[in-house]
Amino acid sequence: MASHTSRYSLYRALRQHLKLADRRNVAFEQNKAAKYILYIGVAFVILYLMMFGVIFALAANDSKWLCASELMYGLSPLILTVDFFVRFIVQQTPTQLVKPYSLLPISKFACIDCFIANSVLSLGNLTWFAMFIPYVIMAVIFSEGVLATIGFLFGFYLLIIINSQWYSLARTLINTHIAWWALPAAIYAVMFSPWYIGSGAGFERLCDTYAHLGEWLPGWNILAYICLFALLALLIFINRRVQYRQIWEELGKVEQTKIRHASKLAFFNRFGETGEYLKLEAKSIMRNKNLRKTFIFAGIFVLIISLIVSYTDVYSGEYMTIFWCIYNFAIFGAMILVKVMCYEGNYIECLMIHKENIISLLSAKFYFYCALLLIPFILMIPTLITGKCTLLMLLGVMMFTAGVVHCLFFQMAVYNKQTIPLNTKLIGKGGMENNYLQIVVEMIVFIVPIILIKVLEALFGSTAAYTIILCIGILFVLGHPLWIRNIYNRMQKRRYVNLEGFRSSR
């Protein structure tokens, strides 16, 4: 009994530390302000989920082939897939929180068990109930009874918890090596195989295949629940073993320096001091594990989105084409540039030696990421041939991204003050807390341009709208010395606060 009591006390202490970690985060003040904006966004998401719940309920009531429970379980692969990828934004892995406790005289799995339990019991796992509750009220409870309704909700809750452990395991492995992306790719390829394999393949067959879950779980089939609990236990067991192994491998890792030929990037010498910072940007991506991995992910996303938009009819609607066009051009900035100065926080003191080093650094970053926009532009040329996009549209969105969107991302240089490790991934402090202000800026970047384009199209027509967007982008590009100087002056006013944050988060 004493052992169980002491372990419970340890779990309580660790949970309290998790709550305090957010308040002690160096970015707490800016997160506190941005959280309110993020809460508004979450409220809209909940409203959308409720709306989908009502829509699906109306469809279930009109269905002659499937009962309400079976219909929603038929959509479960889509729900679980969306849930998996959304967790990359909102859920951290236990490995990122264990380092402070690694030398304490406590059980080697105690911390990991606590954080796994925290992820299982998180209220975030109930988010999907914003869709399920209206659905069961309108379609399940009156047609199938209270007992079936409880079984339906409990069954989906188990699936979501299982998904949380699957995400945690996959995220930890992906953090260790990019090749582990093959694991979720293979899992989801098998999960969605009824959609594309076989003579009767299609979305209806996919739904029919998984609708059979609706025959088991709402009816409180004991075998079905035993299988789900067994799968959850297996994932928790594998998860805690993998996370423990990865943590201690990274903690005990000895850095090995390999002598290799280093490119001098002499081409940038002609640009003087700015050229030296262009070299720094390029070499940081080539040499540092975390930045290189993020850059590769961004490039893969750009390639995949370009191929889907260019060669399929999935996003053939005008609205979706505009959205993915904007997303494609902004993705390098959304994944890397929004964290401007966070990687430089590892050596920020060196940049502060000369008065205007930061201006040259920011200018070099601006030129570098403007040049990267040529990648999505070239990859989206096939959309010109298929007629999905016009040349004016691509040029307008590219220049708007180069000018206005990059200007918004660069504003984070004033407020970012948390160092992101260059190579340490699993136990690095920089990955522990979400910067909600960064998320808010990303939301603005992906939503506001679409609204602006649609308003301009309604007022002046498509050609005039993209011409205006193009001109605004060019003005911001030409005026970049002015807004970079403004960012620098505001950074100087906050330099001691930011320096303290960078140092304390290393």
Protein backbone atom coordinates (compact mmCIF):
# COMPACT_ATOMS: atom_id res chain seq x y z
CA MET A 1 0.00 0.00 0.00
CA ALA A 2 2.84 2.37 0.87
CA SER A 3 4.39 1.77 -2.53
CA HIS A 4 1.14 2.63 -4.31
CA THR A 5 0.71 5.72 -2.11
CA SER A 6 4.23 6.99 -2.84
CA ARG A 7 3.76 6.43 -6.59
CA TYR A 8 0.44 8.27 -6.51
CA SER A 9 2.12 11.17 -4.67
CA LEU A 10 4.86 11.20 -7.28
CA TYR A 11 2.27 11.35 -10.06
CA ARG A 12 0.53 14.24 -8.32
CA ALA A 13 3.82 16.12 -7.97
CA LEU A 14 4.69 15.57 -11.62
CA ARG A 15 1.26 16.72 -12.76
CA GLN A 16 1.70 19.85 -10.65
CA HIS A 17 5.06 20.43 -12.31
CA LEU A 18 3.41 20.17 -15.73
CA LYS A 19 0.94 22.88 -14.75
CA LEU A 20 3.72 25.12 -13.44
CA ALA A 21 5.88 24.52 -16.52
CA ASP A 22 3.54 26.59 -18.67
CA ARG A 23 3.63 29.52 -16.25
CA ARG A 24 7.42 29.32 -15.96
CA ASN A 25 7.90 29.20 -19.71
CA VAL A 26 9.90 32.19 -20.98
CA ALA A 27 7.20 32.84 -23.56
CA PHE A 28 4.39 32.80 -20.98
CA GLU A 29 3.38 36.44 -21.34
CA GLN A 30 3.04 36.35 -25.11
CA ASN A 31 1.39 32.92 -24.88
CA LYS A 32 -1.06 34.31 -22.33
CA ALA A 33 -2.15 37.04 -24.72
CA ALA A 34 -2.27 34.75 -27.75
CA LYS A 35 -4.18 32.01 -25.90
CA TYR A 36 -7.32 34.15 -25.85
CA ILE A 37 -7.19 34.48 -29.63
CA LEU A 38 -6.50 30.75 -29.89
CA TYR A 39 -9.46 30.01 -27.64
CA ILE A 40 -11.68 31.89 -30.09
CA GLY A 41 -10.30 29.70 -32.87
CA VAL A 42 -10.98 26.57 -30.80
CA ALA A 43 -14.54 27.80 -30.20
CA PHE A 44 -15.04 28.07 -33.96
CA VAL A 45 -13.66 24.54 -34.40
CA ILE A 46 -16.14 23.24 -31.82
CA LEU A 47 -18.98 25.03 -33.59
CA TYR A 48 -17.90 23.45 -36.89
CA LEU A 49 -17.78 20.00 -35.25
CA MET A 50 -21.27 20.53 -33.87
CA MET A 51 -22.45 21.55 -37.33
CA PHE A 52 -20.93 18.39 -38.85
CA GLY A 53 -22.60 16.35 -36.11
CA VAL A 54 -25.99 17.76 -37.12
CA ILE A 55 -25.29 17.19 -40.84
CA PHE A 56 -24.24 13.58 -40.27
CA ALA A 57 -27.26 13.00 -38.03
CA LEU A 58 -29.62 14.20 -40.78
CA ALA A 59 -27.85 11.89 -43.24
CA ALA A 60 -28.13 8.97 -40.80
CA ASN A 61 -31.84 9.56 -40.31
CA ASP A 62 -32.38 9.47 -44.08
CA SER A 63 -30.20 6.38 -44.60
CA LYS A 64 -32.00 3.15 -45.45
CA TRP A 65 -28.96 0.88 -45.40
CA LEU A 66 -27.00 1.77 -42.26
CA CYS A 67 -28.11 2.58 -38.74
CA ALA A 68 -26.79 5.72 -37.09
CA SER A 69 -23.99 4.00 -35.16
CA GLU A 70 -22.74 2.18 -38.23
CA LEU A 71 -22.66 5.37 -40.31
CA MET A 72 -20.38 7.22 -37.90
CA TYR A 73 -18.10 4.20 -37.46
CA GLY A 74 -17.89 4.06 -41.25
CA LEU A 75 -16.34 7.55 -41.11
CA SER A 76 -13.97 6.60 -38.26
CA PRO A 77 -10.84 6.22 -40.48
CA LEU A 78 -11.19 9.85 -41.60
CA ILE A 79 -11.84 11.05 -38.03
CA LEU A 80 -8.85 9.18 -36.58
CA THR A 81 -6.54 10.33 -39.37
CA VAL A 82 -7.47 13.98 -38.86
CA ASP A 83 -7.07 13.50 -35.09
CA PHE A 84 -3.58 12.02 -35.61
CA PHE A 85 -2.26 14.94 -37.65
CA VAL A 86 -3.89 17.64 -35.51
CA ARG A 87 -2.02 16.23 -32.50
CA PHE A 88 1.26 17.31 -34.10
CA ILE A 89 0.17 20.87 -33.28
CA VAL A 90 -1.33 20.45 -29.83
CA GLN A 91 0.21 17.38 -28.13
CA GLN A 92 3.79 16.99 -26.91
CA THR A 93 5.49 13.64 -26.36
CA PRO A 94 6.58 12.58 -22.83
CA THR A 95 10.23 12.44 -23.90
CA GLN A 96 10.34 16.23 -24.16
CA LEU A 97 9.50 16.61 -20.47
CA VAL A 98 11.59 13.95 -18.75
CA LYS A 99 15.11 15.41 -18.78
CA PRO A 100 14.85 17.36 -15.47
CA TYR A 101 14.00 14.12 -13.63
CA SER A 102 16.54 11.81 -15.25
CA LEU A 103 19.04 11.97 -12.35
CA LEU A 104 16.53 11.75 -9.51
CA PRO A 105 16.32 8.53 -7.42
CA ILE A 106 12.92 7.50 -8.74
CA SER A 107 11.69 4.60 -10.84
CA LYS A 108 13.08 4.74 -14.36
CA PHE A 109 9.60 4.52 -15.87
CA ALA A 110 7.80 6.70 -13.29
CA CYS A 111 8.03 9.96 -15.22
CA ILE A 112 7.13 8.37 -18.54
CA ASP A 113 4.17 6.55 -16.94
CA CYS A 114 2.95 9.83 -15.47
CA PHE A 115 3.09 11.68 -18.76
CA ILE A 116 1.48 8.80 -20.64
CA ALA A 117 -1.32 8.77 -18.07
CA ASN A 118 -1.64 12.53 -18.50
CA SER A 119 -2.08 12.13 -22.27
CA VAL A 120 -4.67 9.37 -21.76
CA LEU A 121 -6.70 11.44 -19.26
CA SER A 122 -6.33 14.75 -21.14
CA LEU A 123 -9.55 16.68 -21.67
CA GLY A 124 -8.40 17.30 -25.23
CA ASN A 125 -9.44 13.74 -26.02
CA LEU A 126 -13.05 14.86 -25.55
CA THR A 127 -12.90 17.48 -28.32
CA TRP A 128 -14.53 15.17 -30.86
CA PHE A 129 -17.50 14.82 -28.54
CA ALA A 130 -18.56 18.27 -29.78
CA MET A 131 -19.56 16.37 -32.92
CA PHE A 132 -20.64 13.09 -31.29
CA ILE A 133 -23.04 14.57 -28.72
CA PRO A 134 -25.33 16.37 -31.22
CA TYR A 135 -25.10 13.30 -33.43
CA VAL A 136 -26.28 10.83 -30.77
CA ILE A 137 -29.03 13.18 -29.57
CA MET A 138 -30.47 13.53 -33.07
CA ALA A 139 -29.82 10.08 -34.51
CA VAL A 140 -28.85 7.41 -31.97
CA ILE A 141 -30.55 7.77 -28.62
CA PHE A 142 -34.15 7.58 -29.86
CA SER A 143 -33.61 4.94 -32.53
CA GLU A 144 -31.20 2.60 -30.69
CA GLY A 145 -31.70 3.34 -27.01
CA VAL A 146 -29.70 4.76 -24.12
CA LEU A 147 -27.49 1.70 -23.65
CA ALA A 148 -26.45 1.70 -27.31
CA THR A 149 -25.75 5.45 -27.10
CA ILE A 150 -23.43 5.00 -24.12
CA GLY A 151 -21.69 2.13 -25.91
CA PHE A 152 -21.29 4.29 -29.02
CA LEU A 153 -19.68 7.17 -27.09
CA PHE A 154 -17.49 4.89 -24.98
CA GLY A 155 -16.31 2.97 -28.05
CA PHE A 156 -15.27 6.16 -29.85
CA TYR A 157 -13.59 7.44 -26.69
CA LEU A 158 -11.48 4.28 -26.58
CA LEU A 159 -10.55 4.71 -30.25
CA ILE A 160 -9.43 8.31 -29.62
CA ILE A 161 -7.32 7.31 -26.59
CA ILE A 162 -5.73 4.55 -28.66
CA ASN A 163 -5.05 7.14 -31.34
CA SER A 164 -3.34 9.39 -28.78
CA GLN A 165 -0.92 6.59 -27.84
CA TRP A 166 -0.33 5.71 -31.48
CA TYR A 167 0.49 9.37 -32.16
CA SER A 168 2.88 9.55 -29.20
CA LEU A 169 4.72 6.43 -30.38
CA ALA A 170 4.88 7.56 -34.01
CA ARG A 171 5.95 11.11 -33.08
CA THR A 172 8.82 9.83 -30.91
CA LEU A 173 10.10 7.55 -33.67
CA ILE A 174 9.75 10.29 -36.32
CA ASN A 175 11.72 12.65 -34.09
CA THR A 176 14.60 10.18 -34.06
CA HIS A 177 14.74 9.74 -37.85
CA ILE A 178 12.74 10.98 -40.81
CA ALA A 179 12.58 7.46 -42.26
CA TRP A 180 10.05 6.52 -39.56
CA TRP A 181 7.43 8.46 -41.55
CA ALA A 182 7.18 5.21 -43.51
CA LEU A 183 5.44 3.61 -40.49
CA PRO A 184 2.34 5.89 -40.37
CA ALA A 185 2.33 5.94 -44.17
CA ALA A 186 2.11 2.13 -44.22
CA ILE A 187 -0.50 2.03 -41.44
CA TYR A 188 -2.79 4.52 -43.17
CA ALA A 189 -2.23 2.89 -46.55
CA VAL A 190 -3.59 -0.36 -45.07
CA MET A 191 -6.39 1.44 -43.20
CA PHE A 192 -7.65 3.11 -46.37
CA SER A 193 -7.02 0.12 -48.65
CA PRO A 194 -10.78 -0.55 -49.23
CA TRP A 195 -10.87 2.87 -50.93
CA TYR A 196 -8.40 1.95 -53.68
CA ILE A 197 -7.89 -1.86 -53.74
CA GLY A 198 -10.21 -4.35 -55.39
CA SER A 199 -12.87 -4.26 -58.05
CA GLY A 200 -15.45 -2.54 -55.85
CA ALA A 201 -13.00 -0.07 -54.34
CA GLY A 202 -14.28 3.35 -53.44
CA PHE A 203 -15.34 5.61 -50.59
CA GLU A 204 -18.60 3.70 -50.10
CA ARG A 205 -16.72 0.43 -49.66
CA LEU A 206 -14.40 2.09 -47.14
CA CYS A 207 -17.39 3.24 -45.10
CA ASP A 208 -19.11 -0.14 -45.36
CA THR A 209 -15.96 -1.94 -44.18
CA TYR A 210 -15.62 0.11 -41.01
CA ALA A 211 -19.35 0.37 -40.43
CA HIS A 212 -19.18 -3.19 -39.06
CA LEU A 213 -17.64 -1.68 -35.91
CA GLY A 214 -21.01 -0.08 -35.39
CA GLU A 215 -22.54 -3.53 -35.12
CA TRP A 216 -20.26 -4.49 -32.21
CA LEU A 217 -19.42 -1.61 -29.91
CA PRO A 218 -22.85 0.00 -29.28
CA GLY A 219 -24.20 -3.45 -28.51
CA TRP A 220 -21.61 -3.88 -25.72
CA ASN A 221 -19.94 -6.81 -27.44
CA ILE A 222 -17.45 -8.00 -24.80
CA LEU A 223 -15.02 -9.41 -27.38
CA ALA A 224 -14.83 -6.08 -29.21
CA TYR A 225 -14.01 -4.19 -26.02
CA ILE A 226 -11.44 -6.79 -24.99
CA CYS A 227 -9.72 -6.28 -28.36
CA LEU A 228 -9.72 -2.48 -27.95
CA PHE A 229 -8.38 -2.62 -24.37
CA ALA A 230 -5.73 -5.13 -25.46
CA LEU A 231 -4.66 -2.83 -28.30
CA LEU A 232 -4.51 0.15 -25.91
CA ALA A 233 -2.43 -1.83 -23.39
CA LEU A 234 -0.08 -3.02 -26.14
CA LEU A 235 0.45 0.53 -27.44
CA ILE A 236 1.08 1.87 -23.92
CA PHE A 237 3.61 -0.91 -23.27
CA ILE A 238 5.45 -0.32 -26.56
CA ASN A 239 5.21 3.45 -26.13
CA ARG A 240 6.80 3.53 -22.67
CA ARG A 241 9.58 1.17 -23.76
CA VAL A 242 10.39 3.12 -26.92
CA GLN A 243 10.30 6.49 -25.15
CA TYR A 244 12.49 5.29 -22.30
CA ARG A 245 15.02 3.85 -24.73
CA GLN A 246 15.11 6.98 -26.91
CA ILE A 247 15.47 9.30 -23.90
CA TRP A 248 18.43 7.47 -22.45
CA GLU A 249 20.10 7.01 -25.81
CA GLU A 250 19.95 10.76 -26.37
CA LEU A 251 21.00 11.59 -22.81
CA GLY A 252 24.01 9.30 -23.02
CA LYS A 253 24.93 10.09 -26.59
CA VAL A 254 28.52 11.13 -27.26
CA GLU A 255 28.91 13.59 -30.09
CA GLN A 256 31.22 12.29 -32.81
CA THR A 257 32.84 14.80 -35.08
CA LYS A 258 33.30 13.59 -38.62
CA ILE A 259 35.80 15.36 -40.82
CA ARG A 260 34.19 16.07 -44.15
CA HIS A 261 34.58 18.51 -46.98
CA ALA A 262 32.69 21.71 -46.17
CA SER A 263 31.37 23.80 -49.02
CA LYS A 264 32.55 27.40 -48.81
CA LEU A 265 29.52 28.70 -50.74
CA ALA A 266 31.80 31.23 -52.40
CA PHE A 267 28.93 32.47 -54.56
CA PHE A 268 27.63 34.50 -51.60
CA ASN A 269 30.93 36.36 -51.11
CA ARG A 270 29.85 39.03 -53.59
CA PHE A 271 27.07 40.16 -51.22
CA GLY A 272 29.41 41.25 -48.43
CA GLU A 273 28.19 40.96 -44.84
CA THR A 274 24.69 39.91 -45.97
CA GLY A 275 26.35 37.16 -48.00
CA GLU A 276 28.01 35.80 -44.86
CA TYR A 277 24.62 35.50 -43.22
CA LEU A 278 23.25 33.84 -46.34
CA LYS A 279 26.03 31.27 -45.90
CA LEU A 280 25.03 30.88 -42.25
CA GLU A 281 21.42 30.24 -43.23
CA ALA A 282 22.33 27.66 -45.87
CA LYS A 283 24.91 25.88 -43.68
CA SER A 284 22.53 25.83 -40.69
CA ILE A 285 20.04 23.86 -42.78
CA MET A 286 22.71 21.51 -44.14
CA ARG A 287 24.51 20.83 -40.84
CA ASN A 288 21.94 20.99 -38.03
CA LYS A 289 19.65 18.02 -37.54
CA ASN A 290 16.47 19.78 -36.39
CA LEU A 291 16.53 22.58 -38.94
CA ARG A 292 17.45 20.17 -41.74
CA LYS A 293 14.60 17.83 -40.85
CA THR A 294 12.07 20.68 -40.76
CA PHE A 295 13.32 21.94 -44.12
CA ILE A 296 12.97 18.47 -45.65
CA PHE A 297 9.44 18.10 -44.25
CA ALA A 298 8.47 21.48 -45.71
CA GLY A 299 9.89 20.51 -49.10
CA ILE A 300 8.01 17.20 -49.06
CA PHE A 301 4.74 18.94 -48.18
CA VAL A 302 5.24 21.46 -50.99
CA LEU A 303 5.90 18.64 -53.46
CA ILE A 304 2.88 16.57 -52.35
CA ILE A 305 0.48 19.53 -52.39
CA SER A 306 1.76 20.65 -55.80
CA LEU A 307 1.25 17.17 -57.27
CA ILE A 308 -2.24 16.81 -55.78
CA VAL A 309 -3.40 20.23 -56.95
CA SER A 310 -1.83 19.82 -60.39
CA TYR A 311 -2.75 16.25 -61.31
CA THR A 312 -5.96 15.40 -59.40
CA ASP A 313 -9.47 16.79 -59.09
CA VAL A 314 -9.47 16.63 -55.28
CA TYR A 315 -9.02 20.40 -55.00
CA SER A 316 -10.56 21.49 -58.28
CA GLY A 317 -12.91 24.06 -56.70
CA GLU A 318 -11.89 27.69 -57.00
CA TYR A 319 -11.87 28.30 -53.24
CA MET A 320 -9.76 25.21 -52.47
CA THR A 321 -7.33 26.01 -55.30
CA ILE A 322 -6.72 29.48 -53.84
CA PHE A 323 -6.31 28.07 -50.33
CA TRP A 324 -3.76 25.43 -51.32
CA CYS A 325 -1.93 27.88 -53.55
CA ILE A 326 -1.49 30.26 -50.59
CA TYR A 327 -0.61 27.36 -48.28
CA ASN A 328 1.97 26.02 -50.73
CA PHE A 329 3.83 29.31 -50.97
CA ALA A 330 3.66 30.01 -47.22
CA ILE A 331 4.66 26.57 -45.95
CA PHE A 332 8.43 27.19 -45.70
CA GLY A 333 7.75 30.33 -43.69
CA ALA A 334 5.07 28.66 -41.55
CA MET A 335 7.40 25.82 -40.57
CA ILE A 336 10.73 27.64 -40.25
CA LEU A 337 10.51 31.42 -40.57
CA VAL A 338 7.82 31.80 -37.90
CA LYS A 339 10.50 30.58 -35.44
CA VAL A 340 12.92 33.31 -36.54
CA MET A 341 15.69 33.89 -33.98
CA CYS A 342 14.81 30.71 -32.03
CA TYR A 343 17.62 28.71 -33.62
CA GLU A 344 19.91 31.75 -33.43
CA GLY A 345 19.19 31.80 -29.67
CA ASN A 346 21.95 29.18 -29.34
CA TYR A 347 24.55 31.83 -30.20
CA ILE A 348 22.62 35.10 -29.81
CA GLU A 349 25.46 36.76 -27.84
CA CYS A 350 27.72 36.53 -30.90
CA LEU A 351 25.14 38.32 -33.01
CA MET A 352 24.90 41.16 -30.48
CA ILE A 353 28.61 42.04 -30.66
CA HIS A 354 28.17 44.54 -33.48
CA LYS A 355 25.30 46.98 -33.44
CA GLU A 356 23.55 46.12 -36.71
CA ASN A 357 24.40 42.45 -37.17
CA ILE A 358 20.75 41.60 -36.66
CA ILE A 359 19.71 43.77 -39.63
CA SER A 360 22.09 41.90 -41.93
CA LEU A 361 20.86 38.59 -40.50
CA LEU A 362 17.18 39.44 -41.05
CA SER A 363 17.89 40.79 -44.54
CA ALA A 364 19.71 37.57 -45.45
CA LYS A 365 16.80 35.49 -44.14
CA PHE A 366 14.37 37.58 -46.19
CA TYR A 367 16.35 37.08 -49.42
CA PHE A 368 16.83 33.36 -48.70
CA TYR A 369 13.15 32.60 -48.11
CA CYS A 370 12.07 34.78 -51.03
CA ALA A 371 14.35 32.67 -53.23
CA LEU A 372 12.75 29.50 -51.83
CA LEU A 373 9.40 30.65 -53.23
CA LEU A 374 10.68 29.67 -56.67
CA ILE A 375 10.34 26.01 -55.62
CA PRO A 376 6.52 26.00 -55.22
CA PHE A 377 6.21 28.35 -58.22
CA ILE A 378 8.06 25.90 -60.50
CA LEU A 379 6.20 22.89 -59.07
CA MET A 380 2.84 24.56 -59.72
CA ILE A 381 3.53 25.38 -63.37
CA PRO A 382 1.44 22.32 -64.41
CA THR A 383 -1.61 24.07 -62.90
CA LEU A 384 -1.17 26.70 -65.61
CA ILE A 385 -1.40 23.98 -68.26
CA THR A 386 -4.48 22.38 -66.69
CA GLY A 387 -6.15 25.77 -66.27
CA LYS A 388 -6.57 25.53 -62.50
CA CYS A 389 -4.43 28.62 -61.96
CA THR A 390 -3.47 31.61 -64.06
CA LEU A 391 -0.01 33.11 -64.31
CA LEU A 392 -1.29 36.32 -62.70
CA MET A 393 -2.69 34.28 -59.78
CA LEU A 394 0.60 32.46 -59.15
CA LEU A 395 2.67 35.64 -59.44
CA GLY A 396 0.24 37.56 -57.24
CA VAL A 397 0.22 34.96 -54.46
CA MET A 398 4.01 34.50 -54.67
CA MET A 399 4.74 38.22 -54.37
CA PHE A 400 2.11 38.66 -51.65
CA THR A 401 3.81 35.84 -49.72
CA ALA A 402 7.27 37.34 -50.30
CA GLY A 403 6.17 40.75 -49.08
CA VAL A 404 3.18 40.71 -46.72
CA VAL A 405 3.30 37.14 -45.37
CA HIS A 406 7.05 37.21 -44.76
CA CYS A 407 6.66 40.59 -43.07
CA LEU A 408 4.16 39.01 -40.66
CA PHE A 409 6.45 36.06 -39.96
CA PHE A 410 9.41 38.39 -39.32
CA GLN A 411 7.42 40.19 -36.61
CA MET A 412 8.02 37.09 -34.48
CA ALA A 413 11.70 38.11 -34.27
CA VAL A 414 10.60 40.73 -31.74
CA TYR A 415 8.71 38.29 -29.50
CA ASN A 416 10.47 34.93 -29.89
CA LYS A 417 12.75 34.37 -26.93
CA GLN A 418 12.92 30.61 -26.54
CA THR A 419 15.94 28.76 -27.89
CA ILE A 420 15.28 25.74 -30.11
CA PRO A 421 18.07 23.12 -29.96
CA LEU A 422 19.97 22.66 -33.22
CA ASN A 423 20.42 18.89 -32.88
CA THR A 424 18.87 17.58 -29.64
CA LYS A 425 15.25 16.75 -30.39
CA LEU A 426 13.68 14.48 -27.82
CA ILE A 427 14.85 16.10 -24.58
CA GLY A 428 15.49 19.64 -25.77
CA LYS A 429 13.82 22.46 -23.85
CA GLY A 430 12.84 24.28 -27.01
CA GLY A 431 10.30 21.65 -27.96
CA MET A 432 8.54 21.56 -24.60
CA GLU A 433 6.02 24.36 -24.95
CA ASN A 434 3.84 25.52 -27.81
CA ASN A 435 4.21 29.20 -28.64
CA TYR A 436 0.61 30.18 -29.12
CA LEU A 437 1.51 33.51 -30.69
CA GLN A 438 3.22 31.62 -33.52
CA ILE A 439 0.06 29.55 -34.03
CA VAL A 440 -2.07 32.71 -34.15
CA VAL A 441 0.24 34.27 -36.76
CA GLU A 442 0.02 31.10 -38.86
CA MET A 443 -3.78 31.17 -38.64
CA ILE A 444 -3.80 34.81 -39.82
CA VAL A 445 -1.46 33.99 -42.71
CA PHE A 446 -3.64 31.13 -43.99
CA ILE A 447 -7.05 32.76 -43.46
CA VAL A 448 -6.77 36.52 -44.06
CA PRO A 449 -5.29 36.38 -47.62
CA ILE A 450 -8.19 34.17 -48.78
CA ILE A 451 -10.74 36.59 -47.34
CA LEU A 452 -8.90 39.53 -48.90
CA ILE A 453 -8.79 37.89 -52.34
CA LYS A 454 -12.46 36.93 -52.20
CA VAL A 455 -13.50 40.45 -51.18
CA LEU A 456 -11.42 42.00 -53.97
CA GLU A 457 -12.86 39.52 -56.49
CA ALA A 458 -16.39 40.41 -55.43
CA LEU A 459 -15.68 44.13 -55.76
CA PHE A 460 -13.42 44.35 -58.81
CA GLY A 461 -13.27 40.92 -60.49
CA SER A 462 -10.62 38.20 -60.55
CA THR A 463 -8.02 39.92 -62.75
CA ALA A 464 -8.13 43.17 -60.78
CA ALA A 465 -8.00 41.28 -57.47
CA TYR A 466 -4.79 39.43 -58.29
CA THR A 467 -3.28 42.59 -59.80
CA ILE A 468 -3.91 44.40 -56.50
CA ILE A 469 -2.46 41.47 -54.54
CA LEU A 470 0.61 41.52 -56.81
CA CYS A 471 1.11 45.27 -56.34
CA ILE A 472 0.74 45.05 -52.54
CA GLY A 473 3.31 42.26 -52.45
CA ILE A 474 5.77 44.21 -54.61
CA LEU A 475 5.41 47.29 -52.36
CA PHE A 476 6.21 45.23 -49.26
CA VAL A 477 9.18 43.57 -50.99
CA LEU A 478 10.61 46.92 -52.11
CA GLY A 479 9.98 48.38 -48.66
CA HIS A 480 11.64 45.52 -46.76
CA PRO A 481 14.56 47.68 -45.53
CA LEU A 482 12.04 49.90 -43.73
CA TRP A 483 10.08 47.18 -41.94
CA ILE A 484 13.24 45.20 -41.14
CA ARG A 485 14.72 48.35 -39.58
CA ASN A 486 11.50 48.76 -37.58
CA ILE A 487 11.72 45.17 -36.36
CA TYR A 488 15.36 45.72 -35.38
CA ASN A 489 14.53 48.86 -33.37
CA ARG A 490 11.77 47.02 -31.49
CA MET A 491 14.11 44.10 -30.85
CA GLN A 492 16.65 46.49 -29.36
CA LYS A 493 14.06 47.74 -26.88
CA ARG A 494 13.43 44.14 -25.77
CA ARG A 495 16.99 42.86 -26.11
CA TYR A 496 17.64 42.18 -22.41
CA VAL A 497 14.31 40.41 -21.91
CA ASN A 498 14.90 38.29 -25.02
CA LEU A 499 18.51 37.51 -24.11
CA GLU A 500 17.42 36.28 -20.70
CA GLY A 501 14.80 34.09 -22.33
CA PHE A 502 17.23 32.60 -24.85
CA ARG A 503 19.79 31.84 -22.14
CA SER A 504 17.33 30.28 -19.68
CA SER A 505 15.76 28.03 -22.35
CA ARG A 506 19.00 26.47 -23.65
